[in-house]
Amino acid sequence: MTRRDVTNTEHDDPVDRVAAAKAAPGDDPVDRLTDAAAGLALCLVALQFTVFGVFDGSSFFAILAGLGVGGLGVVKTLNA
């Protein structure tokens, strides 16, 4: 068994970390709004699946798909 070296000999510049954090994708308000709109669109598609499954009565899987897509849309919207 070998012993790992836990010391870091590289220079860690805090300015580089700040610039990298500012350049990270997903920080732009327009991107967040786009993600929220996509989540709401998923919720609307899920509502269509669920209503079709309930009122048509043909498939229980349509109801499950609607609930699953709706859950995904809610999570996507809340994470935006």
PDB file of N, CA and C in Angstrom:
ATOM      1  N   MET A   1       0.835  -1.169   0.000  1.00  0.00           N
ATOM      2  CA  MET A   1       0.000   0.000   0.000  1.00  0.00           C
ATOM      3  C   MET A   1       0.882   1.235   0.000  1.00  0.00           C
ATOM      4  N   THR A   2       0.578   2.170  -0.886  1.00  0.00           N
ATOM      5  CA  THR A   2       1.391   3.373  -0.981  1.00  0.00           C
ATOM      6  C   THR A   2       0.698   4.522  -0.266  1.00  0.00           C
ATOM      7  N   ARG A   3       1.500   5.446   0.172  1.00  0.00           N
ATOM      8  CA  ARG A   3       0.981   6.609   0.880  1.00  0.00           C
ATOM      9  C   ARG A   3       0.758   7.745  -0.120  1.00  0.00           C
ATOM     10  N   ARG A   4      -0.414   8.351  -0.060  1.00  0.00           N
ATOM     11  CA  ARG A   4      -0.717   9.462  -0.966  1.00  0.00           C
ATOM     12  C   ARG A   4      -0.170  10.758  -0.394  1.00  0.00           C
ATOM     13  N   ASP A   5       0.273  11.608  -1.308  1.00  0.00           N
ATOM     14  CA  ASP A   5       0.725  12.930  -0.898  1.00  0.00           C
ATOM     15  C   ASP A   5      -0.488  13.857  -0.908  1.00  0.00           C
ATOM     16  N   VAL A   6      -0.833  14.397   0.248  1.00  0.00           N
ATOM     17  CA  VAL A   6      -2.026  15.219   0.358  1.00  0.00           C
ATOM     18  C   VAL A   6      -1.730  16.712   0.262  1.00  0.00           C
ATOM     19  N   THR A   7      -0.505  17.079   0.049  1.00  0.00           N
ATOM     20  CA  THR A   7      -0.191  18.504  -0.065  1.00  0.00           C
ATOM     21  C   THR A   7      -0.373  18.950  -1.500  1.00  0.00           C
ATOM     22  N   ASN A   8      -0.862  20.144  -1.659  1.00  0.00           N
ATOM     23  CA  ASN A   8      -1.077  20.715  -2.974  1.00  0.00           C
ATOM     24  C   ASN A   8       0.026  21.721  -3.240  1.00  0.00           C
ATOM     25  N   THR A   9       0.826  21.463  -4.271  1.00  0.00           N
ATOM     26  CA  THR A   9       1.946  22.349  -4.566  1.00  0.00           C
ATOM     27  C   THR A   9       1.618  23.358  -5.649  1.00  0.00           C
ATOM     28  N   GLU A  10       0.436  23.274  -6.226  1.00  0.00           N
ATOM     29  CA  GLU A  10       0.058  24.220  -7.274  1.00  0.00           C
ATOM     30  C   GLU A  10      -0.413  25.530  -6.659  1.00  0.00           C
ATOM     31  N   HIS A  11      -0.172  26.613  -7.380  1.00  0.00           N
ATOM     32  CA  HIS A  11      -0.604  27.934  -6.934  1.00  0.00           C
ATOM     33  C   HIS A  11      -2.090  28.086  -7.232  1.00  0.00           C
ATOM     34  N   ASP A  12      -2.877  28.389  -6.236  1.00  0.00           N
ATOM     35  CA  ASP A  12      -4.322  28.540  -6.399  1.00  0.00           C
ATOM     36  C   ASP A  12      -4.662  30.024  -6.317  1.00  0.00           C
ATOM     37  N   ASP A  13      -4.913  30.623  -7.460  1.00  0.00           N
ATOM     38  CA  ASP A  13      -5.184  32.051  -7.525  1.00  0.00           C
ATOM     39  C   ASP A  13      -6.680  32.298  -7.326  1.00  0.00           C
ATOM     40  N   PRO A  14      -7.099  33.063  -6.293  1.00  0.00           N
ATOM     41  CA  PRO A  14      -8.525  33.291  -6.056  1.00  0.00           C
ATOM     42  C   PRO A  14      -9.195  34.085  -7.182  1.00  0.00           C
ATOM     43  N   VAL A  15      -8.437  34.908  -7.900  1.00  0.00           N
ATOM     44  CA  VAL A  15      -9.014  35.683  -8.996  1.00  0.00           C
ATOM     45  C   VAL A  15      -9.464  34.744 -10.110  1.00  0.00           C
ATOM     46  N   ASP A  16      -8.683  33.692 -10.384  1.00  0.00           N
ATOM     47  CA  ASP A  16      -9.051  32.732 -11.417  1.00  0.00           C
ATOM     48  C   ASP A  16     -10.335  31.994 -11.043  1.00  0.00           C
ATOM     49  N   ARG A  17     -10.501  31.663  -9.785  1.00  0.00           N
ATOM     50  CA  ARG A  17     -11.708  30.981  -9.351  1.00  0.00           C
ATOM     51  C   ARG A  17     -12.942  31.862  -9.503  1.00  0.00           C
ATOM     52  N   VAL A  18     -12.804  33.151  -9.204  1.00  0.00           N
ATOM     53  CA  VAL A  18     -13.926  34.079  -9.341  1.00  0.00           C
ATOM     54  C   VAL A  18     -14.288  34.246 -10.814  1.00  0.00           C
ATOM     55  N   ALA A  19     -13.287  34.378 -11.666  1.00  0.00           N
ATOM     56  CA  ALA A  19     -13.559  34.517 -13.099  1.00  0.00           C
ATOM     57  C   ALA A  19     -14.203  33.252 -13.653  1.00  0.00           C
ATOM     58  N   ALA A  20     -13.764  32.101 -13.185  1.00  0.00           N
ATOM     59  CA  ALA A  20     -14.347  30.845 -13.648  1.00  0.00           C
ATOM     60  C   ALA A  20     -15.791  30.704 -13.154  1.00  0.00           C
ATOM     61  N   ALA A  21     -16.071  31.160 -11.949  1.00  0.00           N
ATOM     62  CA  ALA A  21     -17.433  31.088 -11.422  1.00  0.00           C
ATOM     63  C   ALA A  21     -18.360  32.029 -12.179  1.00  0.00           C
ATOM     64  N   LYS A  22     -17.849  33.202 -12.577  1.00  0.00           N
ATOM     65  CA  LYS A  22     -18.669  34.139 -13.335  1.00  0.00           C
ATOM     66  C   LYS A  22     -18.934  33.626 -14.747  1.00  0.00           C
ATOM     67  N   ALA A  23     -18.004  32.875 -15.289  1.00  0.00           N
ATOM     68  CA  ALA A  23     -18.155  32.362 -16.646  1.00  0.00           C
ATOM     69  C   ALA A  23     -18.934  31.056 -16.692  1.00  0.00           C
ATOM     70  N   ALA A  24     -19.327  30.526 -15.549  1.00  0.00           N
ATOM     71  CA  ALA A  24     -20.039  29.244 -15.508  1.00  0.00           C
ATOM     72  C   ALA A  24     -21.398  29.390 -16.180  1.00  0.00           C
ATOM     73  N   PRO A  25     -21.781  28.390 -16.982  1.00  0.00           N
ATOM     74  CA  PRO A  25     -23.085  28.476 -17.632  1.00  0.00           C
ATOM     75  C   PRO A  25     -24.222  28.305 -16.621  1.00  0.00           C
ATOM     76  N   GLY A  26     -25.347  28.902 -16.917  1.00  0.00           N
ATOM     77  CA  GLY A  26     -26.504  28.782 -16.047  1.00  0.00           C
ATOM     78  C   GLY A  26     -26.650  29.919 -15.049  1.00  0.00           C
ATOM     79  N   ASP A  27     -25.696  30.842 -15.038  1.00  0.00           N
ATOM     80  CA  ASP A  27     -25.781  31.969 -14.117  1.00  0.00           C
ATOM     81  C   ASP A  27     -26.534  33.141 -14.721  1.00  0.00           C
ATOM     82  N   ASP A  28     -26.753  33.105 -16.012  1.00  0.00           N
ATOM     83  CA  ASP A  28     -27.423  34.192 -16.707  1.00  0.00           C
ATOM     84  C   ASP A  28     -28.923  34.152 -16.395  1.00  0.00           C
ATOM     85  N   PRO A  29     -29.530  35.283 -16.065  1.00  0.00           N
ATOM     86  CA  PRO A  29     -30.973  35.285 -15.781  1.00  0.00           C
ATOM     87  C   PRO A  29     -31.822  34.809 -16.960  1.00  0.00           C
ATOM     88  N   VAL A  30     -31.363  35.063 -18.175  1.00  0.00           N
ATOM     89  CA  VAL A  30     -32.106  34.606 -19.351  1.00  0.00           C
ATOM     90  C   VAL A  30     -32.100  33.081 -19.412  1.00  0.00           C
ATOM     91  N   ASP A  31     -30.972  32.460 -19.072  1.00  0.00           N
ATOM     92  CA  ASP A  31     -30.903  30.998 -19.041  1.00  0.00           C
ATOM     93  C   ASP A  31     -31.826  30.426 -17.966  1.00  0.00           C
ATOM     94  N   ARG A  32     -31.873  31.079 -16.830  1.00  0.00           N
ATOM     95  CA  ARG A  32     -32.759  30.612 -15.765  1.00  0.00           C
ATOM     96  C   ARG A  32     -34.222  30.742 -16.168  1.00  0.00           C
ATOM     97  N   LEU A  33     -34.564  31.837 -16.855  1.00  0.00           N
ATOM     98  CA  LEU A  33     -35.932  32.027 -17.326  1.00  0.00           C
ATOM     99  C   LEU A  33     -36.286  30.987 -18.390  1.00  0.00           C
ATOM    100  N   THR A  34     -35.339  30.676 -19.249  1.00  0.00           N
ATOM    101  CA  THR A  34     -35.560  29.655 -20.270  1.00  0.00           C
ATOM    102  C   THR A  34     -35.791  28.287 -19.637  1.00  0.00           C
ATOM    103  N   ASP A  35     -35.008  27.961 -18.617  1.00  0.00           N
ATOM    104  CA  ASP A  35     -35.198  26.685 -17.918  1.00  0.00           C
ATOM    105  C   ASP A  35     -36.564  26.629 -17.226  1.00  0.00           C
ATOM    106  N   ALA A  36     -36.972  27.738 -16.636  1.00  0.00           N
ATOM    107  CA  ALA A  36     -38.279  27.768 -15.974  1.00  0.00           C
ATOM    108  C   ALA A  36     -39.406  27.621 -16.990  1.00  0.00           C
ATOM    109  N   ALA A  37     -39.265  28.263 -18.147  1.00  0.00           N
ATOM    110  CA  ALA A  37     -40.294  28.144 -19.189  1.00  0.00           C
ATOM    111  C   ALA A  37     -40.350  26.721 -19.737  1.00  0.00           C
ATOM    112  N   ALA A  38     -39.189  26.086 -19.857  1.00  0.00           N
ATOM    113  CA  ALA A  38     -39.167  24.694 -20.321  1.00  0.00           C
ATOM    114  C   ALA A  38     -39.837  23.776 -19.300  1.00  0.00           C
ATOM    115  N   GLY A  39     -39.632  24.040 -18.028  1.00  0.00           N
ATOM    116  CA  GLY A  39     -40.288  23.252 -16.984  1.00  0.00           C
ATOM    117  C   GLY A  39     -41.796  23.432 -17.009  1.00  0.00           C
ATOM    118  N   LEU A  40     -42.241  24.659 -17.241  1.00  0.00           N
ATOM    119  CA  LEU A  40     -43.686  24.900 -17.332  1.00  0.00           C
ATOM    120  C   LEU A  40     -44.280  24.234 -18.570  1.00  0.00           C
ATOM    121  N   ALA A  41     -43.529  24.222 -19.658  1.00  0.00           N
ATOM    122  CA  ALA A  41     -44.000  23.538 -20.861  1.00  0.00           C
ATOM    123  C   ALA A  41     -44.137  22.039 -20.613  1.00  0.00           C
ATOM    124  N   LEU A  42     -43.196  21.470 -19.870  1.00  0.00           N
ATOM    125  CA  LEU A  42     -43.299  20.054 -19.509  1.00  0.00           C
ATOM    126  C   LEU A  42     -44.527  19.797 -18.644  1.00  0.00           C
ATOM    127  N   CYS A  43     -44.831  20.736 -17.763  1.00  0.00           N
ATOM    128  CA  CYS A  43     -46.031  20.582 -16.931  1.00  0.00           C
ATOM    129  C   CYS A  43     -47.294  20.599 -17.776  1.00  0.00           C
ATOM    130  N   LEU A  44     -47.332  21.453 -18.804  1.00  0.00           N
ATOM    131  CA  LEU A  44     -48.501  21.489 -19.675  1.00  0.00           C
ATOM    132  C   LEU A  44     -48.649  20.211 -20.491  1.00  0.00           C
ATOM    133  N   VAL A  45     -47.536  19.671 -20.974  1.00  0.00           N
ATOM    134  CA  VAL A  45     -47.584  18.400 -21.702  1.00  0.00           C
ATOM    135  C   VAL A  45     -48.041  17.292 -20.763  1.00  0.00           C
ATOM    136  N   ALA A  46     -47.566  17.320 -19.540  1.00  0.00           N
ATOM    137  CA  ALA A  46     -47.975  16.312 -18.563  1.00  0.00           C
ATOM    138  C   ALA A  46     -49.461  16.408 -18.261  1.00  0.00           C
ATOM    139  N   LEU A  47     -49.978  17.612 -18.203  1.00  0.00           N
ATOM    140  CA  LEU A  47     -51.410  17.790 -17.973  1.00  0.00           C
ATOM    141  C   LEU A  47     -52.220  17.184 -19.121  1.00  0.00           C
ATOM    142  N   GLN A  48     -51.730  17.357 -20.337  1.00  0.00           N
ATOM    143  CA  GLN A  48     -52.417  16.767 -21.482  1.00  0.00           C
ATOM    144  C   GLN A  48     -52.405  15.243 -21.401  1.00  0.00           C
ATOM    145  N   PHE A  49     -51.252  14.660 -21.061  1.00  0.00           N
ATOM    146  CA  PHE A  49     -51.174  13.201 -20.909  1.00  0.00           C
ATOM    147  C   PHE A  49     -52.142  12.710 -19.839  1.00  0.00           C
ATOM    148  N   THR A  50     -52.160  13.405 -18.719  1.00  0.00           N
ATOM    149  CA  THR A  50     -52.982  12.965 -17.599  1.00  0.00           C
ATOM    150  C   THR A  50     -54.466  13.092 -17.915  1.00  0.00           C
ATOM    151  N   VAL A  51     -54.873  14.214 -18.500  1.00  0.00           N
ATOM    152  CA  VAL A  51     -56.281  14.402 -18.852  1.00  0.00           C
ATOM    153  C   VAL A  51     -56.702  13.375 -19.894  1.00  0.00           C
ATOM    154  N   PHE A  52     -55.851  13.123 -20.878  1.00  0.00           N
ATOM    155  CA  PHE A  52     -56.159  12.117 -21.886  1.00  0.00           C
ATOM    156  C   PHE A  52     -56.318  10.735 -21.242  1.00  0.00           C
ATOM    157  N   GLY A  53     -55.423  10.400 -20.320  1.00  0.00           N
ATOM    158  CA  GLY A  53     -55.497   9.101 -19.664  1.00  0.00           C
ATOM    159  C   GLY A  53     -56.705   8.951 -18.774  1.00  0.00           C
ATOM    160  N   VAL A  54     -57.106  10.027 -18.104  1.00  0.00           N
ATOM    161  CA  VAL A  54     -58.244   9.949 -17.186  1.00  0.00           C
ATOM    162  C   VAL A  54     -59.567   9.900 -17.954  1.00  0.00           C
ATOM    163  N   PHE A  55     -59.742  10.804 -18.896  1.00  0.00           N
ATOM    164  CA  PHE A  55     -61.033  10.894 -19.561  1.00  0.00           C
ATOM    165  C   PHE A  55     -61.220   9.890 -20.687  1.00  0.00           C
ATOM    166  N   ASP A  56     -60.122   9.477 -21.308  1.00  0.00           N
ATOM    167  CA  ASP A  56     -60.252   8.466 -22.350  1.00  0.00           C
ATOM    168  C   ASP A  56     -60.386   7.081 -21.727  1.00  0.00           C
ATOM    169  N   GLY A  57     -59.711   6.894 -20.618  1.00  0.00           N
ATOM    170  CA  GLY A  57     -59.808   5.628 -19.898  1.00  0.00           C
ATOM    171  C   GLY A  57     -59.128   4.478 -20.600  1.00  0.00           C
ATOM    172  N   SER A  58     -58.348   4.761 -21.619  1.00  0.00           N
ATOM    173  CA  SER A  58     -57.755   3.678 -22.397  1.00  0.00           C
ATOM    174  C   SER A  58     -56.466   3.152 -21.791  1.00  0.00           C
ATOM    175  N   SER A  59     -55.723   3.990 -21.121  1.00  0.00           N
ATOM    176  CA  SER A  59     -54.422   3.535 -20.663  1.00  0.00           C
ATOM    177  C   SER A  59     -54.063   4.145 -19.310  1.00  0.00           C
ATOM    178  N   PHE A  60     -53.749   3.273 -18.390  1.00  0.00           N
ATOM    179  CA  PHE A  60     -53.246   3.719 -17.092  1.00  0.00           C
ATOM    180  C   PHE A  60     -51.827   4.268 -17.237  1.00  0.00           C
ATOM    181  N   PHE A  61     -51.114   3.783 -18.268  1.00  0.00           N
ATOM    182  CA  PHE A  61     -49.744   4.246 -18.489  1.00  0.00           C
ATOM    183  C   PHE A  61     -49.709   5.699 -18.947  1.00  0.00           C
ATOM    184  N   ALA A  62     -50.762   6.171 -19.595  1.00  0.00           N
ATOM    185  CA  ALA A  62     -50.835   7.584 -19.969  1.00  0.00           C
ATOM    186  C   ALA A  62     -50.911   8.453 -18.720  1.00  0.00           C
ATOM    187  N   ILE A  63     -51.648   7.991 -17.716  1.00  0.00           N
ATOM    188  CA  ILE A  63     -51.734   8.729 -16.455  1.00  0.00           C
ATOM    189  C   ILE A  63     -50.380   8.734 -15.753  1.00  0.00           C
ATOM    190  N   LEU A  64     -49.727   7.576 -15.719  1.00  0.00           N
ATOM    191  CA  LEU A  64     -48.404   7.500 -15.086  1.00  0.00           C
ATOM    192  C   LEU A  64     -47.384   8.348 -15.827  1.00  0.00           C
ATOM    193  N   ALA A  65     -47.441   8.342 -17.150  1.00  0.00           N
ATOM    194  CA  ALA A  65     -46.519   9.167 -17.934  1.00  0.00           C
ATOM    195  C   ALA A  65     -46.769  10.646 -17.659  1.00  0.00           C
ATOM    196  N   GLY A  66     -48.035  11.023 -17.561  1.00  0.00           N
ATOM    197  CA  GLY A  66     -48.357  12.416 -17.249  1.00  0.00           C
ATOM    198  C   GLY A  66     -47.847  12.839 -15.891  1.00  0.00           C
ATOM    199  N   LEU A  67     -48.002  11.971 -14.916  1.00  0.00           N
ATOM    200  CA  LEU A  67     -47.495  12.298 -13.579  1.00  0.00           C
ATOM    201  C   LEU A  67     -45.968  12.368 -13.553  1.00  0.00           C
ATOM    202  N   GLY A  68     -45.327  11.461 -14.281  1.00  0.00           N
ATOM    203  CA  GLY A  68     -43.861  11.464 -14.325  1.00  0.00           C
ATOM    204  C   GLY A  68     -43.313  12.692 -15.014  1.00  0.00           C
ATOM    205  N   VAL A  69     -43.880  13.033 -16.159  1.00  0.00           N
ATOM    206  CA  VAL A  69     -43.425  14.224 -16.885  1.00  0.00           C
ATOM    207  C   VAL A  69     -43.756  15.484 -16.085  1.00  0.00           C
ATOM    208  N   GLY A  70     -44.893  15.480 -15.413  1.00  0.00           N
ATOM    209  CA  GLY A  70     -45.249  16.623 -14.572  1.00  0.00           C
ATOM    210  C   GLY A  70     -44.279  16.813 -13.426  1.00  0.00           C
ATOM    211  N   GLY A  71     -43.887  15.718 -12.811  1.00  0.00           N
ATOM    212  CA  GLY A  71     -42.885  15.807 -11.739  1.00  0.00           C
ATOM    213  C   GLY A  71     -41.562  16.335 -12.248  1.00  0.00           C
ATOM    214  N   LEU A  72     -41.166  15.877 -13.436  1.00  0.00           N
ATOM    215  CA  LEU A  72     -39.927  16.372 -14.038  1.00  0.00           C
ATOM    216  C   LEU A  72     -40.030  17.872 -14.339  1.00  0.00           C
ATOM    217  N   GLY A  73     -41.189  18.291 -14.827  1.00  0.00           N
ATOM    218  CA  GLY A  73     -41.381  19.712 -15.115  1.00  0.00           C
ATOM    219  C   GLY A  73     -41.350  20.562 -13.868  1.00  0.00           C
ATOM    220  N   VAL A  74     -41.938  20.083 -12.792  1.00  0.00           N
ATOM    221  CA  VAL A  74     -41.918  20.829 -11.531  1.00  0.00           C
ATOM    222  C   VAL A  74     -40.492  20.945 -11.004  1.00  0.00           C
ATOM    223  N   VAL A  75     -39.765  19.858 -11.045  1.00  0.00           N
ATOM    224  CA  VAL A  75     -38.370  19.897 -10.561  1.00  0.00           C
ATOM    225  C   VAL A  75     -37.534  20.838 -11.415  1.00  0.00           C
ATOM    226  N   LYS A  76     -37.699  20.770 -12.724  1.00  0.00           N
ATOM    227  CA  LYS A  76     -36.943  21.646 -13.617  1.00  0.00           C
ATOM    228  C   LYS A  76     -37.291  23.108 -13.378  1.00  0.00           C
ATOM    229  N   THR A  77     -38.566  23.392 -13.154  1.00  0.00           N
ATOM    230  CA  THR A  77     -38.972  24.771 -12.911  1.00  0.00           C
ATOM    231  C   THR A  77     -38.433  25.286 -11.575  1.00  0.00           C
ATOM    232  N   LEU A  78     -38.504  24.463 -10.547  1.00  0.00           N
ATOM    233  CA  LEU A  78     -38.036  24.925  -9.233  1.00  0.00           C
ATOM    234  C   LEU A  78     -36.518  25.038  -9.151  1.00  0.00           C
ATOM    235  N   ASN A  79     -35.800  24.282  -9.966  1.00  0.00           N
ATOM    236  CA  ASN A  79     -34.338  24.376  -9.963  1.00  0.00           C
ATOM    237  C   ASN A  79     -33.822  25.553 -10.790  1.00  0.00           C
ATOM    238  N   ALA A  80     -34.688  26.183 -11.546  1.00  0.00           N
ATOM    239  CA  ALA A  80     -34.242  27.283 -12.414  1.00  0.00           C
ATOM    240  C   ALA A  80     -33.927  28.533 -11.620  1.00  0.00           C
TER     241      ALA A  80
END
